[in-house]
């Protein structure tokens, strides 16, 4: 569905995207996770045709990249920077973007109504966007990118700066798109978003794609050891331990070995690596500005 091969893009001396390659299957939600400045937004900009790569190729639906009119009709783009007009109402914004895609008449009216419902703004349809909260603007921004019902959707950090209710509303919208087998590329630096929404995750930093896999596989490959704490019902071993803590790549197998010795275990605590652990292991723990 989407094939990205050896993308490179520099801004002066800064190599923003450096030999990035990946593929996204039809109906898959693919996450690009990385710290600020990792190259996620530049990569998305190239994929949607807003920027030109210095080298490399992008194929969408096997028919070229987003600069072709045929492909543009298939894709929806929700940018990190709000792409809606404060001086227009919610309804007028949706109508404007629908007109750009050649819609009119009853089709346009139906799509505008669906967009207002999707964004939870039906009762604010005739209010100017300038009066909206940040969360309302983000929801409308998403609805405008989807008004033409695209099958390939690019979402660039769509929940930045929103309240918890709006964030959850956006999550539920994306999960509906997943149910309809839309192909989605989702950039974020929030671990919980990538964990909840993405079928596979690519971790970027300093223009490079460091790892790509499912969440479970990334944790297994790059998460490191789990921390295990066992509390014994009575003193165990030569030193009469009541508590034993250790690191392990196979925590449950090692706990089972203790249990097989006939030792009564009072409690077992396993702190398994997660996506945040993977992220820090790959991108480092140094503060970013």
Protein backbone atom coordinates (compact mmCIF):
# COMPACT_ATOMS: atom_id res chain seq x y z
CA UNK A 1 0.00 0.00 0.00
CA UNK A 2 2.77 2.47 0.98
CA UNK A 3 6.41 1.86 0.13
CA UNK A 4 9.10 4.30 1.25
CA UNK A 5 12.61 3.70 -0.09
CA UNK A 6 15.84 5.44 0.95
CA UNK A 7 14.37 8.88 1.65
CA UNK A 8 16.85 11.68 2.28
CA UNK A 9 16.13 15.33 3.02
CA UNK A 10 18.54 17.99 4.28
CA UNK A 11 18.02 21.57 5.36
CA UNK A 12 21.42 23.15 4.96
CA UNK A 13 23.87 21.23 7.16
CA UNK A 14 21.07 19.37 8.98
CA UNK A 15 20.20 15.93 7.62
CA UNK A 16 16.54 15.79 8.69
CA UNK A 17 15.78 12.44 7.01
CA UNK A 18 18.58 9.99 6.32
CA UNK A 19 18.02 6.82 4.26
CA UNK A 20 14.57 6.09 5.71
CA UNK A 21 12.80 3.02 4.30
CA UNK A 22 9.66 1.18 5.41
CA UNK A 23 6.43 -0.34 4.07
CA UNK A 24 2.86 -0.09 5.36
CA UNK A 25 0.30 -2.74 4.45
CA UNK A 26 -3.26 -1.98 3.41
CA UNK A 27 -5.44 -1.45 6.49
CA UNK A 28 -2.45 -1.17 8.83
CA UNK A 29 -1.86 1.61 11.35
CA UNK A 30 1.84 2.39 11.35
CA UNK A 31 3.30 4.63 14.04
CA UNK A 32 6.34 6.87 13.65
CA UNK A 33 7.58 7.49 17.17
CA UNK A 34 10.43 9.78 18.05
CA UNK A 35 11.56 12.79 20.09
CA UNK A 36 11.11 16.33 18.85
CA UNK A 37 13.37 16.93 15.87
CA UNK A 38 13.64 13.24 14.99
CA UNK A 39 12.48 13.79 11.40
CA UNK A 40 8.90 12.54 11.71
CA UNK A 41 7.18 15.66 10.39
CA UNK A 42 9.64 16.04 7.52
CA UNK A 43 9.04 12.41 6.54
CA UNK A 44 5.27 12.93 6.57
CA UNK A 45 5.69 16.15 4.57
CA UNK A 46 7.48 14.19 1.85
CA UNK A 47 4.90 11.40 1.89
CA UNK A 48 1.97 13.79 1.39
CA UNK A 49 3.76 15.76 -1.33
CA UNK A 50 4.22 18.95 0.67
CA UNK A 51 8.01 18.63 0.49
CA UNK A 52 10.37 17.15 -2.08
CA UNK A 53 12.93 14.59 -1.02
CA UNK A 54 16.56 15.11 -2.02
CA UNK A 55 16.59 11.44 -2.99
CA UNK A 56 14.56 8.28 -2.53
CA UNK A 57 11.07 7.27 -3.61
CA UNK A 58 7.52 6.98 -2.27
CA UNK A 59 4.83 4.73 -3.73
CA UNK A 60 1.19 4.84 -2.62
CA UNK A 61 -1.19 2.19 -3.95
CA UNK A 62 1.56 1.22 -6.39
CA UNK A 63 0.75 4.30 -8.47
CA UNK A 64 3.40 6.85 -7.58
CA UNK A 65 3.56 9.49 -4.87
CA UNK A 66 1.20 12.13 -3.52
CA UNK A 67 2.17 14.74 -6.09
CA UNK A 68 -0.02 12.99 -8.66
CA UNK A 69 -3.68 13.99 -8.83
CA UNK A 70 -4.76 10.35 -8.79
CA UNK A 71 -3.07 9.74 -5.44
CA UNK A 72 -4.09 13.06 -3.87
CA UNK A 73 -7.74 11.98 -4.05
CA UNK A 74 -6.97 8.89 -1.98
CA UNK A 75 -5.13 10.54 0.90
CA UNK A 76 -6.12 12.62 3.89
CA UNK A 77 -3.61 14.72 5.80
CA UNK A 78 -4.07 16.08 9.32
CA UNK A 79 -1.03 18.29 10.03
CA UNK A 80 0.51 19.11 13.37
CA UNK A 81 -0.02 22.83 12.70
CA UNK A 82 -3.76 23.55 12.55
CA UNK A 83 -4.95 23.83 8.94
CA UNK A 84 -8.32 25.46 9.60
CA UNK A 85 -9.50 29.05 9.29
CA UNK A 86 -10.36 31.02 12.43
CA UNK A 87 -12.55 33.50 10.57
CA UNK A 88 -14.80 30.75 9.20
CA UNK A 89 -17.35 28.70 11.10
CA UNK A 90 -16.94 24.97 11.69
CA UNK A 91 -19.45 24.26 8.94
CA UNK A 92 -17.74 26.66 6.51
CA UNK A 93 -14.35 25.05 7.14
CA UNK A 94 -15.69 21.58 6.36
CA UNK A 95 -17.52 22.87 3.29
CA UNK A 96 -14.38 24.61 2.03
CA UNK A 97 -12.26 21.45 2.26
CA UNK A 98 -15.04 19.40 0.68
CA UNK A 99 -15.17 21.81 -2.26
CA UNK A 100 -11.41 21.43 -2.74
CA UNK A 101 -12.04 17.73 -3.37
CA UNK A 102 -14.74 18.46 -5.94
CA UNK A 103 -17.77 17.65 -3.82
CA UNK A 104 -21.06 19.49 -4.12
CA UNK A 105 -24.81 19.26 -3.62
CA UNK A 106 -26.22 16.60 -1.32
CA UNK A 107 -22.90 14.76 -1.14
CA UNK A 108 -21.19 17.84 0.28
CA UNK A 109 -24.02 18.51 2.72
CA UNK A 110 -23.89 14.92 3.95
CA UNK A 111 -20.09 15.01 4.37
CA UNK A 112 -20.22 18.32 6.25
CA UNK A 113 -22.89 16.96 8.59
CA UNK A 114 -20.83 13.81 9.13
CA UNK A 115 -17.74 15.92 9.86
CA UNK A 116 -19.59 17.98 12.44
CA UNK A 117 -20.82 14.80 14.09
CA UNK A 118 -17.35 13.24 13.96
CA UNK A 119 -15.80 16.27 15.67
CA UNK A 120 -18.61 16.62 18.22
CA UNK A 121 -19.34 20.15 16.95
CA UNK A 122 -22.84 19.87 15.51
CA UNK A 123 -24.17 22.32 18.09
CA UNK A 124 -21.34 24.77 17.26
CA UNK A 125 -21.63 24.45 13.47
CA UNK A 126 -22.30 28.17 12.93
CA UNK A 127 -19.76 29.52 15.41
CA UNK A 128 -16.47 30.99 14.22
CA UNK A 129 -13.46 28.80 14.90
CA UNK A 130 -11.75 31.72 16.64
CA UNK A 131 -14.12 31.13 19.57
CA UNK A 132 -13.18 27.43 19.93
CA UNK A 133 -10.95 25.83 22.53
CA UNK A 134 -7.73 24.07 21.51
CA UNK A 135 -9.37 20.67 21.76
CA UNK A 136 -12.31 21.72 19.58
CA UNK A 137 -9.91 23.06 16.95
CA UNK A 138 -7.95 19.80 16.96
CA UNK A 139 -11.14 17.77 16.48
CA UNK A 140 -12.23 20.01 13.60
CA UNK A 141 -8.74 19.81 12.09
CA UNK A 142 -9.11 16.01 12.05
CA UNK A 143 -12.62 16.14 10.55
CA UNK A 144 -11.46 18.49 7.75
CA UNK A 145 -8.70 16.04 6.81
CA UNK A 146 -11.25 13.23 6.59
CA UNK A 147 -14.16 15.05 4.93
CA UNK A 148 -13.55 13.34 1.55
CA UNK A 149 -13.34 9.88 3.18
CA UNK A 150 -9.76 9.03 2.22
CA UNK A 151 -8.49 5.47 2.34
CA UNK A 152 -4.91 6.50 3.21
CA UNK A 153 -4.55 8.88 6.16
CA UNK A 154 -1.51 10.73 7.51
CA UNK A 155 -1.86 12.03 11.06
CA UNK A 156 1.00 14.21 12.32
CA UNK A 157 0.78 14.46 16.12
CA UNK A 158 -2.99 15.10 16.06
CA UNK A 159 -3.39 15.32 19.86
CA UNK A 160 -0.76 17.95 20.68
CA UNK A 161 -1.97 20.27 23.43
CA UNK A 162 -5.51 18.89 23.79
CA UNK A 163 -7.55 18.14 26.90
CA UNK A 164 -8.08 14.49 27.98
CA UNK A 165 -11.66 14.40 26.68
CA UNK A 166 -10.67 15.63 23.22
CA UNK A 167 -7.70 13.25 23.14
CA UNK A 168 -9.98 10.31 23.93
CA UNK A 169 -12.46 11.48 21.27
CA UNK A 170 -9.65 11.57 18.69
CA UNK A 171 -8.50 8.10 19.76
CA UNK A 172 -12.01 6.72 19.30
CA UNK A 173 -12.23 8.34 15.86
CA UNK A 174 -8.95 6.72 14.81
CA UNK A 175 -10.13 3.35 16.11
CA UNK A 176 -13.25 3.71 13.94
CA UNK A 177 -11.00 4.39 10.94
CA UNK A 178 -9.03 1.25 11.80
CA UNK A 179 -12.28 -0.73 11.89
CA UNK A 180 -13.02 0.54 8.36
CA UNK A 181 -9.60 -0.78 7.21
CA UNK A 182 -8.12 2.63 6.46
CA UNK A 183 -4.35 2.71 6.08
CA UNK A 184 -2.91 5.14 8.63
CA UNK A 185 0.53 6.60 9.32
CA UNK A 186 0.53 8.21 12.74
CA UNK A 187 3.40 10.30 14.13
CA UNK A 188 3.69 10.94 17.85
CA UNK A 189 6.12 11.19 20.75
CA UNK A 190 3.53 9.86 23.20
CA UNK A 191 4.17 6.23 24.15
CA UNK A 192 0.60 5.48 25.20
CA UNK A 193 -0.77 6.65 21.85
CA UNK A 194 1.56 4.45 19.83
CA UNK A 195 0.90 1.48 22.14
CA UNK A 196 -2.87 1.86 21.92
CA UNK A 197 -3.32 2.65 18.24
CA UNK A 198 -0.50 1.21 16.14
CA UNK A 199 -0.14 -2.26 14.66
CA UNK A 200 3.56 -1.67 14.07
CA UNK A 201 5.86 1.08 15.28
CA UNK A 202 8.94 2.67 13.75
CA UNK A 203 11.23 4.58 16.10
CA UNK A 204 13.05 7.55 14.58
CA UNK A 205 15.85 9.73 15.87
CA UNK A 206 18.16 12.25 14.21
CA UNK A 207 16.74 11.42 10.79
CA UNK A 208 17.29 7.67 11.07
CA UNK A 209 14.72 4.90 11.41
CA UNK A 210 16.24 2.89 14.25
CA UNK A 211 13.80 -0.02 14.55
CA UNK A 212 10.47 -1.19 13.08
CA UNK A 213 8.28 -3.95 14.50
CA UNK A 214 5.19 -4.76 16.53
CA UNK A 215 5.07 -3.49 20.10
CA UNK A 216 5.70 -6.92 21.62
CA UNK A 217 8.62 -7.64 19.30
CA UNK A 218 10.21 -4.25 19.98
CA UNK A 219 9.96 -4.88 23.71
CA UNK A 220 11.46 -8.37 23.34
CA UNK A 221 14.32 -7.19 21.09
CA UNK A 222 15.15 -3.77 22.53
CA UNK A 223 13.54 -3.53 25.96
CA UNK A 224 16.26 -5.22 27.94
CA UNK A 225 15.74 -7.29 31.07
CA UNK A 226 12.71 -7.37 33.34
CA UNK A 227 13.00 -6.76 37.08
CA UNK A 228 11.72 -9.64 39.22
CA UNK A 229 10.99 -9.53 42.96
CA UNK A 230 10.02 -12.75 44.75
CA UNK A 231 8.74 -12.82 48.34
CA UNK A 232 9.07 -16.21 50.03
CA UNK A 233 6.63 -17.54 52.65
CA UNK A 234 9.57 -18.76 54.77
CA UNK A 235 13.35 -18.27 54.64
CA UNK A 236 14.84 -19.67 51.45
CA UNK A 237 18.33 -20.80 50.53
CA UNK A 238 21.63 -20.82 52.38
CA UNK A 239 21.23 -17.23 53.50
CA UNK A 240 17.62 -17.54 54.60
CA UNK A 241 16.28 -14.94 52.18
CA UNK A 242 12.69 -13.74 52.49
CA UNK A 243 12.95 -11.52 49.41
CA UNK A 244 14.95 -12.05 46.23
CA UNK A 245 15.29 -9.47 43.45
CA UNK A 246 17.01 -10.01 40.11
CA UNK A 247 17.04 -9.08 36.41
CA UNK A 248 15.93 -11.53 33.77
CA UNK A 249 15.11 -11.79 30.08
CA UNK A 250 12.87 -14.79 30.87
CA UNK A 251 11.22 -13.77 34.14
CA UNK A 252 8.32 -16.19 34.14
CA UNK A 253 10.52 -19.18 33.35
CA UNK A 254 12.84 -18.29 36.23
CA UNK A 255 9.93 -17.83 38.66
CA UNK A 256 8.63 -21.24 37.57
CA UNK A 257 12.01 -22.74 38.42
CA UNK A 258 11.77 -21.41 41.98
CA UNK A 259 8.24 -22.80 42.29
CA UNK A 260 9.40 -26.20 41.00
CA UNK A 261 11.78 -26.48 43.97
CA UNK A 262 8.80 -26.83 46.28
CA UNK A 263 9.37 -23.40 47.79
CA UNK A 264 6.21 -21.57 48.80
CA UNK A 265 6.09 -18.18 47.10
CA UNK A 266 4.22 -15.49 48.99
CA UNK A 267 4.22 -12.92 46.17
CA UNK A 268 5.83 -12.32 42.79
CA UNK A 269 6.29 -8.91 41.15
CA UNK A 270 7.52 -8.63 37.55
CA UNK A 271 8.28 -5.20 36.08
CA UNK A 272 8.48 -5.88 32.37
CA UNK A 273 10.06 -3.52 29.88
CA UNK A 274 7.60 -1.40 27.89
CA UNK A 275 7.64 0.92 24.88
CA UNK A 276 9.10 3.76 26.94
CA UNK A 277 12.01 1.51 27.91
CA UNK A 278 12.55 0.63 24.24
CA UNK A 279 12.36 4.29 23.25
CA UNK A 280 14.94 5.38 25.83
CA UNK A 281 17.24 2.46 25.06
CA UNK A 282 17.25 3.39 21.36
CA UNK A 283 17.23 7.20 21.52
CA UNK A 284 19.11 7.77 24.79
CA UNK A 285 18.20 9.53 28.01
CA UNK A 286 19.80 12.90 27.29
CA UNK A 287 17.43 15.87 27.53
CA UNK A 288 16.23 17.32 24.20
CA UNK A 289 15.47 21.01 23.55
